[in-house]
N, C-alpha and C. Protein backbone atom coordinates (compact mmCIF):
# COMPACT_ATOMS: atom_id res chain seq x y z
N MET A 1 71.64 8.78 70.87
CA MET A 1 70.49 9.56 70.66
C MET A 1 70.06 9.47 69.20
N SER A 2 68.88 9.18 68.93
CA SER A 2 68.44 9.07 67.55
C SER A 2 68.17 10.43 66.86
N VAL A 3 68.09 10.41 65.56
CA VAL A 3 67.86 11.55 64.79
C VAL A 3 66.39 12.13 65.13
N ARG A 4 65.47 11.24 65.29
CA ARG A 4 64.10 11.70 65.60
C ARG A 4 64.05 12.33 66.96
N ALA A 5 64.84 11.85 67.91
CA ALA A 5 64.81 12.51 69.26
C ALA A 5 65.41 13.95 69.17
N VAL A 6 66.45 14.06 68.39
CA VAL A 6 67.03 15.41 68.23
C VAL A 6 65.94 16.37 67.54
N GLY A 7 65.34 15.84 66.56
CA GLY A 7 64.30 16.67 65.88
C GLY A 7 63.26 17.09 66.76
N ARG A 8 62.68 16.20 67.66
CA ARG A 8 61.69 16.58 68.58
C ARG A 8 62.16 17.62 69.61
N TRP A 9 63.43 17.43 70.07
CA TRP A 9 64.04 18.35 71.00
C TRP A 9 64.17 19.77 70.43
N GLN A 10 64.57 19.80 69.15
CA GLN A 10 64.75 21.08 68.49
C GLN A 10 63.37 21.80 68.28
N ARG A 11 62.38 21.00 67.87
CA ARG A 11 61.03 21.56 67.68
C ARG A 11 60.51 22.12 69.02
N ARG A 12 60.61 21.36 70.03
CA ARG A 12 60.13 21.78 71.34
C ARG A 12 60.86 23.02 71.81
N SER A 13 62.19 23.12 71.60
CA SER A 13 63.02 24.28 72.01
C SER A 13 62.47 25.49 71.29
N ILE A 14 62.38 25.38 69.99
CA ILE A 14 61.89 26.48 69.15
C ILE A 14 60.50 26.91 69.52
N GLY A 15 59.62 25.95 69.82
CA GLY A 15 58.27 26.25 70.27
C GLY A 15 58.29 26.98 71.59
N GLY A 16 59.14 26.55 72.54
CA GLY A 16 59.30 27.28 73.76
C GLY A 16 59.75 28.74 73.67
N LEU A 17 60.75 28.86 72.80
CA LEU A 17 61.25 30.23 72.53
C LEU A 17 60.19 31.12 71.92
N LEU A 18 59.47 30.54 70.98
CA LEU A 18 58.38 31.35 70.34
C LEU A 18 57.30 31.71 71.38
N CYS A 19 57.02 30.84 72.29
CA CYS A 19 56.07 31.19 73.33
C CYS A 19 56.54 32.27 74.19
N LEU A 20 57.83 32.29 74.58
CA LEU A 20 58.38 33.34 75.34
C LEU A 20 58.37 34.68 74.60
N VAL A 21 58.63 34.62 73.24
CA VAL A 21 58.61 35.82 72.43
C VAL A 21 57.24 36.42 72.41
N ALA A 22 56.23 35.49 72.25
CA ALA A 22 54.84 35.95 72.25
C ALA A 22 54.39 36.58 73.52
N LEU A 23 54.99 36.05 74.65
CA LEU A 23 54.68 36.59 75.97
C LEU A 23 55.43 37.91 76.30
N ALA A 24 56.40 38.29 75.55
CA ALA A 24 57.22 39.48 75.86
C ALA A 24 56.38 40.72 76.11
N PRO A 25 55.36 40.99 75.28
CA PRO A 25 54.53 42.18 75.56
C PRO A 25 53.75 42.07 76.92
N VAL A 26 53.42 40.91 77.29
CA VAL A 26 52.71 40.68 78.58
C VAL A 26 53.72 40.98 79.70
N PHE A 27 54.94 40.56 79.56
CA PHE A 27 55.99 40.84 80.61
C PHE A 27 56.25 42.35 80.65
N ALA A 28 56.25 43.04 79.47
CA ALA A 28 56.45 44.51 79.44
C ALA A 28 55.28 45.19 80.17
N TRP A 29 54.06 44.75 79.85
CA TRP A 29 52.89 45.35 80.50
C TRP A 29 52.94 45.13 82.06
N ALA A 30 53.30 43.96 82.46
CA ALA A 30 53.34 43.64 83.90
C ALA A 30 54.46 44.40 84.58
N ALA A 31 55.61 44.59 83.96
CA ALA A 31 56.65 45.37 84.52
C ALA A 31 56.23 46.86 84.67
N ASN A 32 55.57 47.35 83.68
CA ASN A 32 55.05 48.73 83.72
C ASN A 32 54.02 48.86 84.84
N ARG A 33 53.22 47.84 84.95
CA ARG A 33 52.05 47.91 85.95
C ARG A 33 52.53 47.95 87.35
N VAL A 34 53.64 47.17 87.71
CA VAL A 34 54.12 47.09 89.07
C VAL A 34 55.18 48.15 89.32
N GLY A 35 55.65 48.90 88.29
CA GLY A 35 56.67 49.94 88.43
C GLY A 35 58.05 49.35 88.51
N TYR A 36 58.29 48.30 87.79
CA TYR A 36 59.66 47.64 87.85
C TYR A 36 60.67 48.56 87.26
N ALA A 37 61.86 48.55 87.93
CA ALA A 37 63.03 49.26 87.42
C ALA A 37 64.21 48.42 87.41
N GLU A 38 65.12 48.58 86.53
CA GLU A 38 66.35 47.77 86.43
C GLU A 38 67.13 47.84 87.74
N PRO A 39 67.67 46.82 88.29
CA PRO A 39 68.44 46.80 89.51
C PRO A 39 69.63 47.81 89.46
N MET A 40 70.29 47.92 88.30
CA MET A 40 71.34 48.85 88.21
C MET A 40 70.84 50.34 88.32
N ASP A 41 69.68 50.55 87.80
CA ASP A 41 69.12 51.91 87.97
C ASP A 41 68.81 52.22 89.45
N ASN A 42 68.30 51.21 90.16
CA ASN A 42 67.98 51.32 91.56
C ASN A 42 69.30 51.57 92.29
N ALA A 43 70.36 50.89 91.97
CA ALA A 43 71.66 51.09 92.63
C ALA A 43 72.21 52.45 92.44
N VAL A 44 72.06 52.96 91.24
CA VAL A 44 72.54 54.33 90.95
C VAL A 44 71.83 55.34 91.78
N GLU A 45 70.50 55.19 91.88
CA GLU A 45 69.65 56.03 92.68
C GLU A 45 70.07 56.01 94.16
N LEU A 46 70.26 54.83 94.66
CA LEU A 46 70.64 54.63 96.03
C LEU A 46 72.00 55.26 96.34
N ALA A 47 72.84 55.20 95.33
CA ALA A 47 74.25 55.74 95.54
C ALA A 47 74.30 57.27 95.41
N GLY A 48 73.27 57.79 94.86
CA GLY A 48 73.22 59.23 94.60
C GLY A 48 74.05 59.64 93.40
N ALA A 49 74.22 58.73 92.49
CA ALA A 49 75.05 59.01 91.31
C ALA A 49 74.25 59.35 90.05
N SER A 50 72.98 59.68 90.24
CA SER A 50 72.15 59.94 89.04
C SER A 50 72.68 61.10 88.25
N SER A 51 73.35 62.09 88.88
CA SER A 51 73.85 63.29 88.15
C SER A 51 75.10 62.91 87.37
N GLU A 52 75.68 61.78 87.58
CA GLU A 52 76.92 61.43 86.95
C GLU A 52 76.73 60.52 85.73
N ILE A 53 75.49 60.27 85.35
CA ILE A 53 75.20 59.41 84.25
C ILE A 53 75.58 60.07 82.94
N VAL A 54 76.28 59.33 82.07
CA VAL A 54 76.71 59.81 80.78
C VAL A 54 75.97 58.98 79.70
N SER A 55 75.24 59.66 78.95
CA SER A 55 74.51 58.87 77.84
C SER A 55 75.50 58.52 76.73
N THR A 56 75.40 57.35 76.31
CA THR A 56 76.35 56.89 75.23
C THR A 56 75.63 56.89 73.89
N GLY A 57 74.51 57.49 73.74
CA GLY A 57 73.83 57.58 72.50
C GLY A 57 72.65 56.60 72.47
N ALA A 58 71.97 56.57 71.37
CA ALA A 58 70.87 55.65 71.23
C ALA A 58 71.32 54.27 70.87
N SER A 59 70.60 53.28 71.28
CA SER A 59 70.91 51.90 70.99
C SER A 59 69.73 51.29 70.24
N LEU A 60 70.02 50.18 69.57
CA LEU A 60 69.01 49.51 68.84
C LEU A 60 67.88 49.00 69.76
N PHE A 61 68.30 48.48 70.94
CA PHE A 61 67.29 47.87 71.82
C PHE A 61 67.18 48.68 73.13
N SER A 62 67.12 50.00 73.04
CA SER A 62 66.95 50.77 74.20
C SER A 62 65.63 50.44 74.92
N GLY A 63 65.75 50.04 76.16
CA GLY A 63 64.58 49.57 76.88
C GLY A 63 63.98 48.27 76.43
N TYR A 64 64.86 47.51 75.80
CA TYR A 64 64.46 46.14 75.28
C TYR A 64 63.34 46.22 74.24
N ALA A 65 63.12 47.32 73.57
CA ALA A 65 62.08 47.36 72.57
C ALA A 65 62.67 48.09 71.37
N LEU A 66 62.07 47.86 70.17
CA LEU A 66 62.52 48.53 69.02
C LEU A 66 61.97 49.96 69.00
N PRO A 67 62.79 50.96 68.67
CA PRO A 67 62.29 52.31 68.68
C PRO A 67 61.31 52.52 67.49
N GLY A 68 60.45 53.41 67.68
CA GLY A 68 59.50 53.76 66.62
C GLY A 68 58.22 52.97 66.65
N PHE A 69 58.11 51.97 67.55
CA PHE A 69 56.92 51.19 67.66
C PHE A 69 56.40 51.52 69.06
N GLY A 70 55.18 51.08 69.39
CA GLY A 70 54.65 51.25 70.65
C GLY A 70 55.36 50.44 71.73
N PRO A 71 55.07 50.57 72.95
CA PRO A 71 55.86 49.93 73.98
C PRO A 71 55.72 48.38 73.85
N TYR A 72 54.52 47.93 73.49
CA TYR A 72 54.30 46.47 73.47
C TYR A 72 54.70 45.88 72.15
N ALA A 73 54.31 46.49 71.08
CA ALA A 73 54.79 46.05 69.75
C ALA A 73 56.26 46.11 69.54
N GLY A 74 56.88 47.15 70.16
CA GLY A 74 58.33 47.28 70.13
C GLY A 74 58.97 46.16 70.98
N THR A 75 58.42 45.88 72.09
CA THR A 75 58.98 44.77 72.95
C THR A 75 58.86 43.39 72.22
N PHE A 76 57.73 43.21 71.52
CA PHE A 76 57.57 41.99 70.76
C PHE A 76 58.53 41.93 69.66
N GLY A 77 58.69 43.01 68.94
CA GLY A 77 59.66 43.07 67.78
C GLY A 77 61.10 42.91 68.31
N GLY A 78 61.44 43.56 69.45
CA GLY A 78 62.74 43.34 70.02
C GLY A 78 63.03 41.89 70.42
N ALA A 79 62.04 41.31 71.05
CA ALA A 79 62.21 39.83 71.43
C ALA A 79 62.31 38.92 70.23
N LEU A 80 61.57 39.17 69.22
CA LEU A 80 61.63 38.36 67.97
C LEU A 80 62.94 38.59 67.31
N LEU A 81 63.41 39.83 67.15
CA LEU A 81 64.62 40.07 66.44
C LEU A 81 65.81 39.57 67.30
N GLY A 82 65.78 39.75 68.55
CA GLY A 82 66.89 39.28 69.43
C GLY A 82 66.92 37.79 69.45
N THR A 83 65.85 37.12 69.46
CA THR A 83 65.87 35.64 69.49
C THR A 83 66.32 35.15 68.20
N ALA A 84 65.89 35.72 67.05
CA ALA A 84 66.28 35.29 65.70
C ALA A 84 67.78 35.49 65.51
N LEU A 85 68.27 36.63 65.97
CA LEU A 85 69.69 36.95 65.81
C LEU A 85 70.56 35.99 66.67
N THR A 86 70.12 35.72 67.86
CA THR A 86 70.89 34.76 68.72
C THR A 86 70.90 33.38 68.13
N PHE A 87 69.71 32.94 67.63
CA PHE A 87 69.52 31.65 66.98
C PHE A 87 70.48 31.52 65.74
N ALA A 88 70.45 32.60 64.93
CA ALA A 88 71.33 32.52 63.73
C ALA A 88 72.80 32.41 64.03
N ILE A 89 73.18 33.23 65.06
CA ILE A 89 74.63 33.20 65.50
C ILE A 89 74.96 31.79 66.01
N ALA A 90 74.09 31.20 66.89
CA ALA A 90 74.36 29.91 67.43
C ALA A 90 74.45 28.84 66.34
N LEU A 91 73.48 28.92 65.35
CA LEU A 91 73.44 27.98 64.31
C LEU A 91 74.71 28.10 63.49
N GLY A 92 75.10 29.28 63.16
CA GLY A 92 76.32 29.50 62.30
C GLY A 92 77.51 28.91 63.05
N LEU A 93 77.68 29.24 64.35
CA LEU A 93 78.82 28.71 65.08
C LEU A 93 78.76 27.24 65.22
N GLY A 94 77.60 26.68 65.35
CA GLY A 94 77.43 25.21 65.41
C GLY A 94 77.90 24.54 64.10
N ARG A 95 77.53 25.13 63.04
CA ARG A 95 77.93 24.64 61.73
C ARG A 95 79.39 24.72 61.43
N LEU A 96 80.00 25.88 61.88
CA LEU A 96 81.51 26.03 61.76
C LEU A 96 82.21 25.01 62.65
N LEU A 97 81.77 24.78 63.79
CA LEU A 97 82.38 23.77 64.65
C LEU A 97 82.21 22.32 64.08
N ALA A 98 81.01 22.06 63.62
CA ALA A 98 80.80 20.72 62.98
C ALA A 98 81.69 20.55 61.73
N ALA A 99 81.85 21.57 61.00
CA ALA A 99 82.64 21.44 59.76
C ALA A 99 84.16 21.25 60.11
N GLY A 100 84.59 21.73 61.31
CA GLY A 100 85.94 21.50 61.71
C GLY A 100 86.28 20.15 62.24
N ASN A 101 85.28 19.35 62.47
CA ASN A 101 85.50 17.97 63.04
C ASN A 101 85.70 17.07 61.94
């Protein structure tokens, strides 16, 4: 595989990820519109275990959105931050593995 092919592949991958990040607010709106609930939440309701839920405190991505922003801006920010964090970790691990060879 040539260096140019890898470069095109990387650019297309990053472009695809950025498109998904840009569409995150649309997905949040659509989920809200159809009344989507997480499958685990549905299972808890069906099992009648709602009264046994123990809150573990606030999380950074509670509801897949950044707190303090609106539902759609928070979802966009959460998607952008999560994608950037995952990309940075993968890139760092890739460099560490490449340096070991």
